[in-house]
Protein backbone atom coordinates (compact mmCIF):
# COMPACT_ATOMS: atom_id res chain seq x y z
CA MET A 1 45.90 80.37 -2.97
CA ARG A 2 44.00 78.40 -5.40
CA SER A 3 46.62 75.50 -4.93
CA ARG A 4 46.22 75.62 -1.01
CA GLN A 5 42.35 75.27 -1.26
CA GLU A 6 42.75 72.41 -3.90
CA GLY A 7 44.97 70.70 -1.09
CA ARG A 8 42.69 71.16 1.61
CA ARG A 9 39.62 69.84 -0.42
CA GLY A 10 41.82 66.93 -1.19
CA ARG A 11 42.87 66.15 2.41
CA LEU A 12 39.27 66.62 3.44
CA GLY A 13 37.96 64.29 0.64
CA LEU A 14 40.49 61.77 1.84
CA ARG A 15 39.27 62.02 5.29
CA ILE A 16 35.63 61.44 4.48
CA VAL A 17 36.59 58.54 2.65
CA SER A 18 38.76 57.20 5.45
CA ILE A 19 35.90 57.73 8.00
CA LEU A 20 33.50 55.73 5.85
CA LEU A 21 35.90 52.96 5.42
CA VAL A 22 36.46 52.73 8.93
CA GLY A 23 32.37 52.82 9.57
CA ILE A 24 31.88 49.94 7.11
CA ALA A 25 34.47 47.86 8.65
CA LEU A 26 33.13 48.58 12.06
CA GLY A 27 29.75 47.98 10.93
CA GLY A 28 30.48 44.51 9.27
CA ALA A 29 32.76 43.47 12.47
CA GLY A 30 29.73 44.32 14.60
CA ALA A 31 27.29 42.46 12.44
CA PHE A 32 29.76 39.34 12.81
CA VAL A 33 29.98 39.65 16.64
CA LEU A 34 26.05 39.75 16.88
CA HIS A 35 25.69 36.84 14.68
CA ARG A 36 28.51 34.73 16.14
CA TYR A 37 27.62 35.22 19.85
CA MET A 38 23.98 36.44 20.04
CA GLY A 39 22.64 33.57 17.54
CA SER A 40 19.82 33.56 15.57
CA ARG A 41 16.04 33.04 15.78
CA THR A 42 14.20 30.63 13.20
CA VAL A 43 10.57 30.73 12.85
CA TYR A 44 9.14 27.64 11.41
CA THR A 45 5.38 27.99 9.74
CA SER A 46 3.34 25.35 8.23
CA ARG A 47 -0.31 25.67 6.87
CA VAL A 48 -2.23 22.47 5.53
CA THR A 49 -4.08 23.64 2.27
CA GLU A 50 -5.95 20.41 1.33
CA PHE A 51 -6.63 17.21 3.09
CA ASN A 52 -8.73 14.31 1.68
CA LEU A 53 -9.68 10.91 2.91
CA ARG A 54 -9.55 7.92 0.62
CA ASP A 55 -9.92 4.00 1.20
CA ILE A 56 -6.90 1.68 0.69
CA GLY A 57 -6.86 -2.02 1.02
CA GLU A 58 -3.11 -2.50 1.62
CA LEU A 59 -2.14 -5.18 3.97
CA ALA A 60 1.55 -4.79 5.37
CA THR A 61 2.96 -8.08 6.27
CA GLN A 62 6.74 -7.55 6.70
CA GLU A 63 8.80 -4.75 7.42
CA GLY A 64 12.52 -3.98 7.73
CA CYS A 65 14.64 -1.25 9.64
CA TYR A 66 17.38 0.49 8.10
CA THR A 67 20.08 3.26 8.81
CA ALA A 68 20.80 5.24 5.57
CA ILE A 69 24.13 7.66 5.71
CA GLN A 70 23.84 10.31 3.12
CA THR A 71 26.59 12.50 1.54
CA ILE A 72 26.01 15.81 -0.25
CA THR A 73 29.13 17.21 -2.07
CA SER A 74 29.16 19.87 -4.84
CA SER A 75 31.08 22.62 -6.22
CA ARG A 76 30.30 25.45 -8.36
CA LYS A 77 31.41 24.88 -12.08
CA GLU A 78 31.23 27.03 -15.20
CA PHE A 79 32.22 25.71 -18.35
CA GLY A 80 33.62 22.63 -16.88
CA ILE A 81 35.85 24.66 -14.56
CA THR A 82 35.60 24.05 -10.78
CA PHE A 83 35.72 27.38 -8.88
CA PRO A 84 38.07 26.96 -5.84
CA PHE A 85 36.83 27.65 -2.29
CA THR A 86 33.17 26.71 -3.41
CA THR A 87 33.02 23.02 -2.29
CA LYS A 88 30.62 21.84 0.36
CA ASN A 89 30.16 18.74 2.19
CA TYR A 90 27.47 17.35 4.42
CA ILE A 91 27.16 13.92 5.78
CA TYR A 92 24.12 12.66 7.78
CA SER A 93 22.35 9.62 8.66
CA MET A 94 18.47 8.70 9.32
CA ASP A 95 16.91 5.58 10.49
CA GLY A 96 13.43 4.38 9.04
CA VAL A 97 11.36 1.43 8.17
CA VAL A 98 10.40 -0.10 4.81
CA LYS A 99 7.14 -1.72 4.61
CA ALA A 100 6.07 -4.42 2.14
CA GLY A 101 2.54 -6.44 1.71
CA LEU A 102 -0.25 -6.46 -0.73
CA ASP A 103 -3.70 -5.11 -1.83
CA PHE A 104 -5.97 -6.87 0.35
CA SER A 105 -8.87 -5.92 -1.93
CA LEU A 106 -7.65 -8.01 -4.86
CA ILE A 107 -7.65 -11.24 -3.05
CA ALA A 108 -10.14 -13.76 -4.56
CA LEU A 109 -11.54 -16.65 -3.22
CA ASN A 110 -12.70 -19.98 -5.39
CA GLU A 111 -14.72 -22.49 -3.41
CA ASP A 112 -15.28 -26.07 -4.65
CA ALA A 113 -17.54 -27.71 -2.19
CA ALA A 114 -17.68 -31.05 -3.98
CA ALA A 115 -13.64 -31.22 -3.67
CA ARG A 116 -13.66 -29.36 -0.29
CA THR A 117 -10.97 -27.30 -1.65
CA LEU A 118 -10.90 -23.53 -1.48
CA THR A 119 -8.32 -21.72 -3.71
CA VAL A 120 -7.10 -18.47 -2.57
CA SER A 121 -5.94 -16.24 -5.29
CA MET A 122 -3.51 -13.31 -4.19
CA PRO A 123 -1.64 -10.43 -5.59
CA PRO A 124 1.96 -10.51 -5.53
CA ALA A 125 3.68 -8.80 -2.50
CA LYS A 126 5.16 -5.37 -3.38
CA LEU A 127 6.94 -2.37 -1.25
CA LEU A 128 4.33 -0.28 0.32
CA SER A 129 6.24 2.49 1.88
CA VAL A 130 9.75 3.90 2.92
CA VAL A 131 8.96 5.93 6.26
CA PRO A 132 12.31 7.75 7.44
CA ASP A 133 12.32 8.59 11.32
CA ARG A 134 13.10 12.52 11.16
CA ASP A 135 13.80 12.29 15.03
CA SER A 136 16.84 10.07 14.34
CA PHE A 137 18.31 12.59 11.95
CA GLN A 138 22.11 13.17 13.08
CA VAL A 139 24.72 15.13 11.33
CA TYR A 140 28.30 13.83 11.32
CA TYR A 141 29.91 16.52 9.06
CA GLU A 142 28.69 19.88 7.97
CA GLY A 143 31.29 21.77 5.49
CA LYS A 144 29.26 24.78 4.72
CA ASN A 145 30.48 27.12 2.34
CA MET A 146 29.55 30.63 2.04
CA PHE A 147 30.03 30.94 -1.69
CA ASN A 148 27.81 27.66 -2.29
CA ASP A 149 25.02 27.00 -0.05
CA LEU A 150 22.94 24.36 0.66
CA HIS A 151 19.54 24.26 -1.18
CA LEU A 152 16.48 22.36 -0.32
CA GLU A 153 16.51 20.68 -3.86
CA GLU A 154 19.63 19.31 -2.90
CA THR A 155 18.34 17.51 0.17
CA ASN A 156 15.34 16.55 -1.79
CA GLU A 157 17.30 14.74 -4.36
CA ALA A 158 19.46 13.05 -1.64
CA GLU A 159 16.37 11.67 0.09
CA LYS A 160 15.09 10.22 -3.43
CA ALA A 161 18.36 8.65 -3.93
CA ALA A 162 18.30 7.11 -0.46
CA GLU A 163 14.77 5.84 -0.90
CA ALA A 164 15.70 4.24 -4.10
CA GLU A 165 18.67 2.61 -2.61
CA ILE A 166 16.65 1.31 0.41
CA ARG A 167 13.99 -0.19 -1.86
CA GLU A 168 16.67 -2.07 -3.84
CA LYS A 169 18.32 -3.40 -0.92
CA ALA A 170 14.81 -4.40 0.74
CA VAL A 171 14.30 -6.45 -2.31
CA ALA A 172 17.40 -7.99 -2.39
CA TYR A 173 17.05 -9.18 1.15
CA GLY A 174 13.97 -11.08 0.46
CA ILE A 175 11.36 -8.58 1.91
CA LEU A 176 8.71 -9.51 -0.63
CA GLU A 177 9.20 -13.33 -0.30
CA HIS A 178 8.72 -12.76 3.67
CA ALA A 179 5.85 -10.61 3.04
CA GLN A 180 4.05 -13.18 0.60
CA ASP A 181 4.58 -16.22 3.14
CA ASN A 182 3.35 -13.94 6.01
CA ALA A 183 0.45 -12.72 4.03
CA GLU A 184 -0.57 -16.47 3.28
CA THR A 185 -0.28 -17.28 6.96
CA LEU A 186 -2.71 -14.33 8.04
CA VAL A 187 -5.24 -15.06 5.41
CA ARG A 188 -5.14 -19.02 6.18
CA ALA A 189 -5.80 -17.89 10.00
CA MET A 190 -8.55 -15.79 8.91
CA LEU A 191 -10.22 -18.49 6.74
CA GLU A 192 -9.80 -21.53 9.10
CA PRO A 193 -12.66 -20.77 11.30
CA VAL A 194 -14.99 -20.98 8.24
CA TYR A 195 -12.99 -23.53 6.30
CA PRO A 196 -11.69 -25.99 9.05
CA ALA A 197 -8.24 -27.51 8.43
CA GLY A 198 -9.55 -31.15 8.89
CA GLU A 199 -12.35 -30.62 6.43
CA TRP A 200 -10.95 -28.18 3.90
CA THR A 201 -7.75 -27.80 1.73
CA ILE A 202 -6.67 -24.31 1.37
CA ARG A 203 -4.53 -23.63 -1.72
CA PHE A 204 -2.87 -20.54 -2.51
CA GLU A 205 -2.01 -18.87 -6.02
CA VAL A 206 -0.27 -15.84 -6.69
CA GLN A 207 -1.68 -13.58 -9.47
CA GLU A 208 0.52 -12.37 -12.42
CA ALA A 209 1.98 -9.10 -11.71
CA SER A 210 0.16 -6.21 -13.95
């Protein structure tokens, strides 16, 4: 009698476990279908916690347009061993503008009335900003990995690397020289109504970089 009861209990236990496993499988399948076909809703919330105004004397005199293609590739590693099936790849591009100019507040004038000469001392041109156009963002490849998600820190580091390369290439293309020449042309045009070209000689000096 006892063996029959134990057998019934064993079969009942197996049925309960089977029902639970089937329920879990159906629940997982249902969640996948809902995620796959019903989509998701993302809410973006932003709050400005502080805003201050400050005076600047920057004069932008040259800009360059760029297109940067970025690649993020990583895998999970432990003790120097790369785990399989954890590699992710993202390839995207973004346009933007890099600006160069100088600090207008550092320009100094030295007038020699006897020699009818005006010496303009100007700071050296520098890169002022690298401004990406967020609306131009385009994804070429998105190799997601469920075991290795893309983190905000990784995109931030990718943008820093892109900006560093953009600044380096802008300098190599001569943006600072063009910015310096354009600044002299602009300042000369501003001064000539007071110091006419036929009566005064305007000379330019570039200050030593600090």
